[in-house]
Protein backbone atom coordinates (compact mmCIF):
# COMPACT_ATOMS: atom_id res chain seq x y z
CA MET A 1 21.37 3.52 7.07
CA LYS A 2 25.13 3.26 7.51
CA VAL A 3 24.73 0.13 9.64
CA LEU A 4 22.69 -1.59 6.91
CA TYR A 5 25.03 -0.33 4.20
CA ARG A 6 27.95 -1.92 6.00
CA TYR A 7 25.87 -5.07 6.45
CA SER A 8 25.17 -5.23 2.71
CA ILE A 9 28.90 -4.94 1.98
CA ALA A 10 30.44 -7.02 4.76
CA GLY A 11 27.53 -9.30 5.71
CA GLU A 12 27.91 -8.54 9.40
CA MET A 13 26.62 -6.09 11.96
CA ASP A 14 29.34 -4.23 13.82
CA ALA A 15 28.47 -2.35 16.95
CA PRO A 16 29.17 1.34 16.35
CA ASP A 17 31.63 3.09 18.62
CA TYR A 18 29.47 5.94 19.88
CA ASP A 19 32.44 7.75 21.41
CA ASP A 20 34.62 7.80 18.29
CA PRO A 21 33.91 11.01 16.36
CA GLU A 22 35.81 9.63 13.39
CA GLY A 23 34.02 6.26 13.53
CA ILE A 24 32.39 4.77 10.46
CA TYR A 25 28.91 5.52 11.74
CA GLY A 26 29.50 9.13 12.78
CA CYS A 27 27.66 8.55 16.05
CA SER A 28 29.63 10.82 18.34
CA ASN A 29 26.70 13.20 18.89
CA MET A 30 23.96 10.58 18.87
CA GLY A 31 21.45 10.86 21.70
CA GLU A 32 20.06 8.00 23.73
CA ASP A 33 17.03 7.62 21.41
CA GLY A 34 19.34 7.31 18.42
CA LYS A 35 21.49 4.74 20.16
CA ALA A 36 18.41 2.73 21.12
CA PHE A 37 17.20 2.87 17.50
CA VAL A 38 20.54 1.58 16.19
CA ALA A 39 20.61 -1.17 18.83
CA GLN A 40 17.07 -2.28 17.92
CA LEU A 41 17.96 -2.28 14.22
CA MET A 42 21.14 -4.27 14.77
CA GLU A 43 19.39 -6.79 16.98
CA GLY A 44 16.30 -7.30 14.85
CA PHE A 45 17.26 -6.81 11.22
CA PRO A 46 19.33 -9.97 10.59
CA SER A 47 16.39 -12.23 11.42
CA LYS A 48 14.12 -10.24 9.08
CA GLN A 49 16.53 -9.72 6.18
CA GLU A 50 15.22 -12.58 4.07
CA GLN A 51 11.62 -11.40 4.46
CA ILE A 52 12.55 -7.77 3.71
CA ASP A 53 14.65 -8.74 0.69
CA GLU A 54 11.70 -10.75 -0.65
CA ILE A 55 9.53 -7.64 -0.36
CA ILE A 56 12.17 -5.67 -2.28
CA SER A 57 12.48 -8.38 -4.95
CA SER A 58 8.74 -8.72 -5.45
CA ASN A 59 8.25 -4.95 -5.72
CA SER A 60 11.27 -4.24 -7.91
CA HIS A 61 9.96 -4.90 -11.37
CA SER A 62 12.98 -3.62 -13.26
CA TRP A 63 15.93 -4.72 -11.12
CA LYS A 64 16.98 -7.94 -9.46
CA ILE A 65 18.08 -7.38 -5.89
CA GLU A 66 21.68 -8.18 -6.82
CA ARG A 67 21.70 -5.24 -9.24
CA ILE A 68 20.30 -2.66 -6.82
CA SER A 69 23.03 -0.34 -5.58
CA LYS A 70 24.20 -1.09 -2.04
CA VAL A 71 23.19 2.40 -0.93
CA ASP A 72 19.66 2.04 -2.33
CA LEU A 73 19.41 -1.45 -0.86
CA ALA A 74 20.37 -0.16 2.59
CA ILE A 75 17.82 2.66 2.31
CA LEU A 76 15.05 0.28 1.22
CA ARG A 77 15.89 -2.23 3.93
CA LEU A 78 15.85 0.48 6.57
CA ALA A 79 12.51 1.91 5.44
CA LEU A 80 10.85 -1.50 5.24
CA TYR A 81 12.22 -2.55 8.62
CA GLU A 82 10.98 0.69 10.16
CA ILE A 83 7.51 0.27 8.64
CA ASP A 84 7.00 -3.43 9.29
CA GLU A 85 8.95 -4.01 12.50
CA MET A 86 9.36 -0.72 14.34
CA GLY A 87 5.94 0.82 13.82
CA THR A 88 7.23 3.94 12.08
CA PRO A 89 4.36 5.60 10.21
CA PRO A 90 4.73 4.70 6.52
CA LYS A 91 4.68 8.33 5.36
CA VAL A 92 7.52 9.19 7.74
CA ALA A 93 9.63 6.18 6.69
CA VAL A 94 9.10 6.83 2.98
CA ASN A 95 9.92 10.53 3.26
CA GLU A 96 13.05 9.70 5.24
CA ALA A 97 14.07 7.11 2.61
CA ILE A 98 13.57 9.64 -0.19
CA GLU A 99 15.72 12.21 1.61
CA LEU A 100 18.46 9.63 2.26
CA ALA A 101 18.42 8.64 -1.42
CA LYS A 102 18.66 12.27 -2.50
CA LYS A 103 21.61 12.81 -0.18
CA TYR A 104 23.59 9.58 -0.56
CA SER A 105 22.58 7.89 -3.81
CA ALA A 106 22.56 8.58 -7.53
CA GLU A 107 20.70 11.62 -8.83
CA LYS A 108 17.42 9.88 -9.67
CA SER A 109 17.53 7.01 -7.19
CA TYR A 110 15.00 8.69 -4.95
CA LYS A 111 12.35 8.07 -7.62
CA TYR A 112 13.11 4.35 -7.61
CA VAL A 113 13.05 4.24 -3.80
CA ASN A 114 9.76 6.15 -3.69
CA GLY A 115 8.20 3.97 -6.39
CA LEU A 116 9.21 0.69 -4.77
CA LEU A 117 8.07 1.70 -1.29
CA GLY A 118 4.89 3.27 -2.65
CA GLY A 119 4.07 0.11 -4.58
CA TYR A 120 4.64 -2.00 -1.50
CA LEU A 121 2.42 0.19 0.66
CA LYS A 122 -0.27 0.23 -2.02
CA SER A 123 -0.19 -3.56 -2.17
CA LYS A 124 -0.64 -3.62 1.61
CA GLY A 125 -3.56 -1.22 1.31
CA GLN A 126 -1.71 1.70 2.87
CA GLU A 127 -2.01 4.79 0.70
CA GLU A 128 0.47 6.90 2.65
CA GLN A 129 3.27 6.87 0.10
CA GLY A 130 4.84 10.15 1.17
CA SER A 131 5.99 11.48 -2.20
CA SER A 132 8.47 14.36 -2.13
């Protein structure tokens, strides 16, 4: 999420310094699977951003994408990328997104994140919303 948050602020993907415990991504204890995940995200997301942002826009009935908080936007982008591009089971991605929103975003943002992702999955015919 931190990689996509930085991307939404700076408009660029910086490679995390896995050996810097004070680094912006906090990756000092990241295992090989985590590093591979971040590398796949950094390599693949930029080419899918427009498509993912369109999904967010078309499923966000109350907010234009420009008004969505950068934290929520990063969480939504991550969940949608995981679901559509990485093969993460929808229920897992949605639950993870809800937990990230509870931890890093405004008090009730998790409801917005859950609603948007749930609506998207419903429109795709996938009922695994993963409410928490």
